[in-house]
Amino acid sequence: MVANITPDKTLDCKGMNCPMPILKTKKALDGMNSGQILEILGSDPATANDLPAFAKNTGHEYLGSKDEDGFTRYYLRVK
């Protein structure tokens, strides 16, 4: 599912710990249009739980994640 996603914007949160990735994600989403996809690059293991919960609470669509070497790519579709 996430293999063929082309993001409209990428947010690099590698090296940041909770709650910074969520705060940066919220700010990035505010500048995007409905239907666009945000890719978040994160290295904090807590982000794997925080982002899906954030998406559910804010109405954005969590599209999934893909593990890379030393970090994870997360994808959200703007509501």
PDB file of N, CA and C in Angstrom:
ATOM      1  N   MET A   1       0.827  -1.194   0.000  1.00  0.00           N
ATOM      2  CA  MET A   1       0.000   0.000   0.000  1.00  0.00           C
ATOM      3  C   MET A   1       0.867   1.252   0.000  1.00  0.00           C
ATOM      4  N   VAL A   2       1.849   1.349   0.886  1.00  0.00           N
ATOM      5  CA  VAL A   2       2.668   2.552   0.956  1.00  0.00           C
ATOM      6  C   VAL A   2       3.773   2.585  -0.084  1.00  0.00           C
ATOM      7  N   ALA A   3       3.993   1.495  -0.784  1.00  0.00           N
ATOM      8  CA  ALA A   3       5.091   1.430  -1.739  1.00  0.00           C
ATOM      9  C   ALA A   3       4.917   2.413  -2.896  1.00  0.00           C
ATOM     10  N   ASN A   4       3.695   2.696  -3.298  1.00  0.00           N
ATOM     11  CA  ASN A   4       3.461   3.537  -4.466  1.00  0.00           C
ATOM     12  C   ASN A   4       2.976   4.943  -4.134  1.00  0.00           C
ATOM     13  N   ILE A   5       3.188   5.391  -2.903  1.00  0.00           N
ATOM     14  CA  ILE A   5       2.729   6.714  -2.501  1.00  0.00           C
ATOM     15  C   ILE A   5       3.744   7.777  -2.920  1.00  0.00           C
ATOM     16  N   THR A   6       3.253   8.820  -3.574  1.00  0.00           N
ATOM     17  CA  THR A   6       4.083   9.965  -3.921  1.00  0.00           C
ATOM     18  C   THR A   6       3.624  11.145  -3.076  1.00  0.00           C
ATOM     19  N   PRO A   7       4.434  11.546  -2.085  1.00  0.00           N
ATOM     20  CA  PRO A   7       4.006  12.629  -1.201  1.00  0.00           C
ATOM     21  C   PRO A   7       4.047  13.995  -1.881  1.00  0.00           C
ATOM     22  N   ASP A   8       3.165  14.882  -1.430  1.00  0.00           N
ATOM     23  CA  ASP A   8       3.182  16.263  -1.906  1.00  0.00           C
ATOM     24  C   ASP A   8       4.207  17.083  -1.125  1.00  0.00           C
ATOM     25  N   LYS A   9       4.522  16.637   0.084  1.00  0.00           N
ATOM     26  CA  LYS A   9       5.461  17.343   0.951  1.00  0.00           C
ATOM     27  C   LYS A   9       6.123  16.334   1.865  1.00  0.00           C
ATOM     28  N   THR A  10       7.409  16.533   2.171  1.00  0.00           N
ATOM     29  CA  THR A  10       8.132  15.662   3.095  1.00  0.00           C
ATOM     30  C   THR A  10       8.614  16.481   4.280  1.00  0.00           C
ATOM     31  N   LEU A  11       8.409  15.936   5.470  1.00  0.00           N
ATOM     32  CA  LEU A  11       8.804  16.581   6.717  1.00  0.00           C
ATOM     33  C   LEU A  11       9.838  15.696   7.407  1.00  0.00           C
ATOM     34  N   ASP A  12      11.041  16.225   7.613  1.00  0.00           N
ATOM     35  CA  ASP A  12      12.116  15.448   8.235  1.00  0.00           C
ATOM     36  C   ASP A  12      12.109  15.673   9.748  1.00  0.00           C
ATOM     37  N   CYS A  13      11.696  14.650  10.485  1.00  0.00           N
ATOM     38  CA  CYS A  13      11.667  14.712  11.955  1.00  0.00           C
ATOM     39  C   CYS A  13      12.661  13.736  12.568  1.00  0.00           C
ATOM     40  N   LYS A  14      13.624  13.279  11.780  1.00  0.00           N
ATOM     41  CA  LYS A  14      14.622  12.337  12.302  1.00  0.00           C
ATOM     42  C   LYS A  14      15.419  13.015  13.417  1.00  0.00           C
ATOM     43  N   GLY A  15      15.645  12.277  14.502  1.00  0.00           N
ATOM     44  CA  GLY A  15      16.396  12.797  15.630  1.00  0.00           C
ATOM     45  C   GLY A  15      15.545  13.560  16.637  1.00  0.00           C
ATOM     46  N   MET A  16      14.292  13.808  16.308  1.00  0.00           N
ATOM     47  CA  MET A  16      13.392  14.514  17.222  1.00  0.00           C
ATOM     48  C   MET A  16      12.622  13.510  18.067  1.00  0.00           C
ATOM     49  N   ASN A  17      12.417  13.855  19.336  1.00  0.00           N
ATOM     50  CA  ASN A  17      11.639  13.004  20.225  1.00  0.00           C
ATOM     51  C   ASN A  17      10.282  13.631  20.508  1.00  0.00           C
ATOM     52  N   CYS A  18       9.354  12.789  20.952  1.00  0.00           N
ATOM     53  CA  CYS A  18       8.009  13.217  21.304  1.00  0.00           C
ATOM     54  C   CYS A  18       8.076  14.417  22.243  1.00  0.00           C
ATOM     55  N   PRO A  19       7.312  15.452  22.045  1.00  0.00           N
ATOM     56  CA  PRO A  19       6.186  15.589  21.108  1.00  0.00           C
ATOM     57  C   PRO A  19       6.530  16.334  19.821  1.00  0.00           C
ATOM     58  N   MET A  20       7.826  16.597  19.560  1.00  0.00           N
ATOM     59  CA  MET A  20       8.202  17.431  18.411  1.00  0.00           C
ATOM     60  C   MET A  20       7.707  16.910  17.055  1.00  0.00           C
ATOM     61  N   PRO A  21       7.811  15.601  16.749  1.00  0.00           N
ATOM     62  CA  PRO A  21       7.311  15.161  15.439  1.00  0.00           C
ATOM     63  C   PRO A  21       5.816  15.472  15.227  1.00  0.00           C
ATOM     64  N   ILE A  22       5.016  15.344  16.281  1.00  0.00           N
ATOM     65  CA  ILE A  22       3.585  15.635  16.158  1.00  0.00           C
ATOM     66  C   ILE A  22       3.355  17.140  16.003  1.00  0.00           C
ATOM     67  N   LEU A  23       4.075  17.945  16.763  1.00  0.00           N
ATOM     68  CA  LEU A  23       3.930  19.399  16.647  1.00  0.00           C
ATOM     69  C   LEU A  23       4.349  19.884  15.257  1.00  0.00           C
ATOM     70  N   LYS A  24       5.452  19.359  14.736  1.00  0.00           N
ATOM     71  CA  LYS A  24       5.919  19.737  13.396  1.00  0.00           C
ATOM     72  C   LYS A  24       4.932  19.250  12.335  1.00  0.00           C
ATOM     73  N   THR A  25       4.369  18.050  12.536  1.00  0.00           N
ATOM     74  CA  THR A  25       3.387  17.502  11.600  1.00  0.00           C
ATOM     75  C   THR A  25       2.147  18.384  11.551  1.00  0.00           C
ATOM     76  N   LYS A  26       1.667  18.788  12.722  1.00  0.00           N
ATOM     77  CA  LYS A  26       0.486  19.647  12.794  1.00  0.00           C
ATOM     78  C   LYS A  26       0.718  20.949  12.036  1.00  0.00           C
ATOM     79  N   LYS A  27       1.879  21.562  12.232  1.00  0.00           N
ATOM     80  CA  LYS A  27       2.208  22.815  11.558  1.00  0.00           C
ATOM     81  C   LYS A  27       2.293  22.611  10.038  1.00  0.00           C
ATOM     82  N   ALA A  28       2.904  21.513   9.606  1.00  0.00           N
ATOM     83  CA  ALA A  28       3.042  21.228   8.171  1.00  0.00           C
ATOM     84  C   ALA A  28       1.681  20.993   7.526  1.00  0.00           C
ATOM     85  N   LEU A  29       0.789  20.276   8.216  1.00  0.00           N
ATOM     86  CA  LEU A  29      -0.541  19.989   7.674  1.00  0.00           C
ATOM     87  C   LEU A  29      -1.371  21.261   7.506  1.00  0.00           C
ATOM     88  N   ASP A  30      -1.162  22.241   8.386  1.00  0.00           N
ATOM     89  CA  ASP A  30      -1.911  23.499   8.303  1.00  0.00           C
ATOM     90  C   ASP A  30      -1.669  24.227   6.984  1.00  0.00           C
ATOM     91  N   GLY A  31      -0.514  24.011   6.373  1.00  0.00           N
ATOM     92  CA  GLY A  31      -0.196  24.679   5.122  1.00  0.00           C
ATOM     93  C   GLY A  31      -0.502  23.860   3.885  1.00  0.00           C
ATOM     94  N   MET A  32      -1.212  22.753   4.058  1.00  0.00           N
ATOM     95  CA  MET A  32      -1.489  21.865   2.920  1.00  0.00           C
ATOM     96  C   MET A  32      -2.973  21.851   2.580  1.00  0.00           C
ATOM     97  N   ASN A  33      -3.270  21.428   1.356  1.00  0.00           N
ATOM     98  CA  ASN A  33      -4.654  21.362   0.876  1.00  0.00           C
ATOM     99  C   ASN A  33      -5.242  19.978   1.087  1.00  0.00           C
ATOM    100  N   SER A  34      -6.554  19.918   1.163  1.00  0.00           N
ATOM    101  CA  SER A  34      -7.266  18.654   1.331  1.00  0.00           C
ATOM    102  C   SER A  34      -6.892  17.675   0.215  1.00  0.00           C
ATOM    103  N   GLY A  35      -6.619  16.435   0.612  1.00  0.00           N
ATOM    104  CA  GLY A  35      -6.278  15.395  -0.355  1.00  0.00           C
ATOM    105  C   GLY A  35      -4.788  15.239  -0.586  1.00  0.00           C
ATOM    106  N   GLN A  36      -3.994  16.225  -0.181  1.00  0.00           N
ATOM    107  CA  GLN A  36      -2.547  16.116  -0.353  1.00  0.00           C
ATOM    108  C   GLN A  36      -1.977  15.125   0.660  1.00  0.00           C
ATOM    109  N   ILE A  37      -0.787  14.610   0.343  1.00  0.00           N
ATOM    110  CA  ILE A  37      -0.152  13.611   1.199  1.00  0.00           C
ATOM    111  C   ILE A  37       1.133  14.172   1.791  1.00  0.00           C
ATOM    112  N   LEU A  38       1.255  14.031   3.111  1.00  0.00           N
ATOM    113  CA  LEU A  38       2.451  14.438   3.836  1.00  0.00           C
ATOM    114  C   LEU A  38       3.236  13.194   4.227  1.00  0.00           C
ATOM    115  N   GLU A  39       4.513  13.207   3.909  1.00  0.00           N
ATOM    116  CA  GLU A  39       5.422  12.133   4.321  1.00  0.00           C
ATOM    117  C   GLU A  39       6.226  12.658   5.510  1.00  0.00           C
ATOM    118  N   ILE A  40       6.239  11.906   6.601  1.00  0.00           N
ATOM    119  CA  ILE A  40       6.990  12.283   7.795  1.00  0.00           C
ATOM    120  C   ILE A  40       8.109  11.271   7.985  1.00  0.00           C
ATOM    121  N   LEU A  41       9.333  11.749   8.085  1.00  0.00           N
ATOM    122  CA  LEU A  41      10.476  10.878   8.334  1.00  0.00           C
ATOM    123  C   LEU A  41      10.778  10.955   9.826  1.00  0.00           C
ATOM    124  N   GLY A  42      10.707   9.822  10.516  1.00  0.00           N
ATOM    125  CA  GLY A  42      10.896   9.829  11.962  1.00  0.00           C
ATOM    126  C   GLY A  42      11.769   8.703  12.450  1.00  0.00           C
ATOM    127  N   SER A  43      12.514   8.983  13.533  1.00  0.00           N
ATOM    128  CA  SER A  43      13.372   7.955  14.130  1.00  0.00           C
ATOM    129  C   SER A  43      12.946   7.610  15.557  1.00  0.00           C
ATOM    130  N   ASP A  44      12.024   8.371  16.142  1.00  0.00           N
ATOM    131  CA  ASP A  44      11.532   8.100  17.492  1.00  0.00           C
ATOM    132  C   ASP A  44      10.507   6.963  17.430  1.00  0.00           C
ATOM    133  N   PRO A  45      10.750   5.848  18.132  1.00  0.00           N
ATOM    134  CA  PRO A  45       9.808   4.721  18.096  1.00  0.00           C
ATOM    135  C   PRO A  45       8.385   5.106  18.524  1.00  0.00           C
ATOM    136  N   ALA A  46       8.244   6.117  19.379  1.00  0.00           N
ATOM    137  CA  ALA A  46       6.916   6.537  19.841  1.00  0.00           C
ATOM    138  C   ALA A  46       6.061   7.099  18.702  1.00  0.00           C
ATOM    139  N   THR A  47       6.703   7.582  17.659  1.00  0.00           N
ATOM    140  CA  THR A  47       5.968   8.157  16.521  1.00  0.00           C
ATOM    141  C   THR A  47       5.056   7.114  15.870  1.00  0.00           C
ATOM    142  N   ALA A  48       5.437   5.842  15.931  1.00  0.00           N
ATOM    143  CA  ALA A  48       4.629   4.773  15.333  1.00  0.00           C
ATOM    144  C   ALA A  48       3.246   4.681  15.974  1.00  0.00           C
ATOM    145  N   ASN A  49       3.135   5.053  17.240  1.00  0.00           N
ATOM    146  CA  ASN A  49       1.840   5.077  17.924  1.00  0.00           C
ATOM    147  C   ASN A  49       1.210   6.461  17.872  1.00  0.00           C
ATOM    148  N   ASP A  50       2.046   7.487  17.966  1.00  0.00           N
ATOM    149  CA  ASP A  50       1.548   8.861  18.045  1.00  0.00           C
ATOM    150  C   ASP A  50       0.882   9.338  16.749  1.00  0.00           C
ATOM    151  N   LEU A  51       1.481   9.040  15.610  1.00  0.00           N
ATOM    152  CA  LEU A  51       0.926   9.547  14.344  1.00  0.00           C
ATOM    153  C   LEU A  51      -0.443   8.972  13.992  1.00  0.00           C
ATOM    154  N   PRO A  52      -0.645   7.645  14.097  1.00  0.00           N
ATOM    155  CA  PRO A  52      -1.998   7.125  13.823  1.00  0.00           C
ATOM    156  C   PRO A  52      -3.044   7.710  14.780  1.00  0.00           C
ATOM    157  N   ALA A  53      -2.679   7.883  16.055  1.00  0.00           N
ATOM    158  CA  ALA A  53      -3.608   8.463  17.031  1.00  0.00           C
ATOM    159  C   ALA A  53      -3.885   9.924  16.695  1.00  0.00           C
ATOM    160  N   PHE A  54      -2.863  10.658  16.314  1.00  0.00           N
ATOM    161  CA  PHE A  54      -3.020  12.060  15.920  1.00  0.00           C
ATOM    162  C   PHE A  54      -3.959  12.163  14.714  1.00  0.00           C
ATOM    163  N   ALA A  55      -3.752  11.295  13.716  1.00  0.00           N
ATOM    164  CA  ALA A  55      -4.597  11.313  12.517  1.00  0.00           C
ATOM    165  C   ALA A  55      -6.054  11.038  12.872  1.00  0.00           C
ATOM    166  N   LYS A  56      -6.269  10.058  13.726  1.00  0.00           N
ATOM    167  CA  LYS A  56      -7.632   9.707  14.125  1.00  0.00           C
ATOM    168  C   LYS A  56      -8.312  10.869  14.860  1.00  0.00           C
ATOM    169  N   ASN A  57      -7.567  11.532  15.730  1.00  0.00           N
ATOM    170  CA  ASN A  57      -8.117  12.636  16.521  1.00  0.00           C
ATOM    171  C   ASN A  57      -8.369  13.897  15.701  1.00  0.00           C
ATOM    172  N   THR A  58      -7.641  14.064  14.606  1.00  0.00           N
ATOM    173  CA  THR A  58      -7.760  15.293  13.813  1.00  0.00           C
ATOM    174  C   THR A  58      -8.530  15.093  12.511  1.00  0.00           C
ATOM    175  N   GLY A  59      -8.870  13.846  12.190  1.00  0.00           N
ATOM    176  CA  GLY A  59      -9.642  13.578  10.979  1.00  0.00           C
ATOM    177  C   GLY A  59      -8.816  13.352   9.732  1.00  0.00           C
ATOM    178  N   HIS A  60      -7.495  13.418   9.857  1.00  0.00           N
ATOM    179  CA  HIS A  60      -6.633  13.118   8.706  1.00  0.00           C
ATOM    180  C   HIS A  60      -6.561  11.603   8.539  1.00  0.00           C
ATOM    181  N   GLU A  61      -6.188  11.161   7.351  1.00  0.00           N
ATOM    182  CA  GLU A  61      -6.136   9.725   7.070  1.00  0.00           C
ATOM    183  C   GLU A  61      -4.699   9.215   7.191  1.00  0.00           C
ATOM    184  N   TYR A  62      -4.491   8.277   8.106  1.00  0.00           N
ATOM    185  CA  TYR A  62      -3.180   7.635   8.239  1.00  0.00           C
ATOM    186  C   TYR A  62      -3.081   6.557   7.175  1.00  0.00           C
ATOM    187  N   LEU A  63      -2.092   6.678   6.283  1.00  0.00           N
ATOM    188  CA  LEU A  63      -1.971   5.752   5.158  1.00  0.00           C
ATOM    189  C   LEU A  63      -1.019   4.592   5.422  1.00  0.00           C
ATOM    190  N   GLY A  64      -0.224   4.712   6.484  1.00  0.00           N
ATOM    191  CA  GLY A  64       0.696   3.629   6.806  1.00  0.00           C
ATOM    192  C   GLY A  64       2.123   4.116   6.922  1.00  0.00           C
ATOM    193  N   SER A  65       3.038   3.158   7.062  1.00  0.00           N
ATOM    194  CA  SER A  65       4.445   3.499   7.246  1.00  0.00           C
ATOM    195  C   SER A  65       5.326   2.487   6.529  1.00  0.00           C
ATOM    196  N   LYS A  66       6.582   2.879   6.351  1.00  0.00           N
ATOM    197  CA  LYS A  66       7.556   2.015   5.691  1.00  0.00           C
ATOM    198  C   LYS A  66       8.886   2.197   6.408  1.00  0.00           C
ATOM    199  N   ASP A  67       9.449   1.099   6.937  1.00  0.00           N
ATOM    200  CA  ASP A  67      10.729   1.166   7.639  1.00  0.00           C
ATOM    201  C   ASP A  67      11.879   1.289   6.643  1.00  0.00           C
ATOM    202  N   GLU A  68      12.782   2.199   6.953  1.00  0.00           N
ATOM    203  CA  GLU A  68      14.008   2.379   6.182  1.00  0.00           C
ATOM    204  C   GLU A  68      15.181   2.064   7.101  1.00  0.00           C
ATOM    205  N   ASP A  69      16.383   2.299   6.662  1.00  0.00           N
ATOM    206  CA  ASP A  69      17.563   2.035   7.474  1.00  0.00           C
ATOM    207  C   ASP A  69      17.751   3.157   8.494  1.00  0.00           C
ATOM    208  N   GLY A  70      17.326   2.926   9.740  1.00  0.00           N
ATOM    209  CA  GLY A  70      17.517   3.895  10.805  1.00  0.00           C
ATOM    210  C   GLY A  70      16.375   4.875  11.019  1.00  0.00           C
ATOM    211  N   PHE A  71      15.343   4.808  10.190  1.00  0.00           N
ATOM    212  CA  PHE A  71      14.181   5.680  10.366  1.00  0.00           C
ATOM    213  C   PHE A  71      12.967   5.063   9.694  1.00  0.00           C
ATOM    214  N   THR A  72      11.816   5.684   9.881  1.00  0.00           N
ATOM    215  CA  THR A  72      10.568   5.197   9.293  1.00  0.00           C
ATOM    216  C   THR A  72       9.906   6.331   8.526  1.00  0.00           C
ATOM    217  N   ARG A  73       9.291   5.990   7.392  1.00  0.00           N
ATOM    218  CA  ARG A  73       8.495   6.938   6.615  1.00  0.00           C
ATOM    219  C   ARG A  73       7.031   6.715   6.970  1.00  0.00           C
ATOM    220  N   TYR A  74       6.347   7.781   7.368  1.00  0.00           N
ATOM    221  CA  TYR A  74       4.921   7.732   7.694  1.00  0.00           C
ATOM    222  C   TYR A  74       4.173   8.590   6.689  1.00  0.00           C
ATOM    223  N   TYR A  75       2.929   8.197   6.363  1.00  0.00           N
ATOM    224  CA  TYR A  75       2.155   8.936   5.367  1.00  0.00           C
ATOM    225  C   TYR A  75       0.771   9.303   5.908  1.00  0.00           C
ATOM    226  N   LEU A  76       0.421  10.581   5.747  1.00  0.00           N
ATOM    227  CA  LEU A  76      -0.892  11.100   6.135  1.00  0.00           C
ATOM    228  C   LEU A  76      -1.515  11.814   4.952  1.00  0.00           C
ATOM    229  N   ARG A  77      -2.821  11.592   4.749  1.00  0.00           N
ATOM    230  CA  ARG A  77      -3.569  12.341   3.742  1.00  0.00           C
ATOM    231  C   ARG A  77      -4.362  13.427   4.476  1.00  0.00           C
ATOM    232  N   VAL A  78      -4.234  14.657   3.982  1.00  0.00           N
ATOM    233  CA  VAL A  78      -4.891  15.805   4.608  1.00  0.00           C
ATOM    234  C   VAL A  78      -6.404  15.690   4.416  1.00  0.00           C
ATOM    235  N   LYS A  79      -7.146  15.975   5.503  1.00  0.00           N
ATOM    236  CA  LYS A  79      -8.606  15.887   5.419  1.00  0.00           C
ATOM    237  C   LYS A  79      -9.170  17.042   4.604  1.00  0.00           C
TER     238      LYS A  79
END
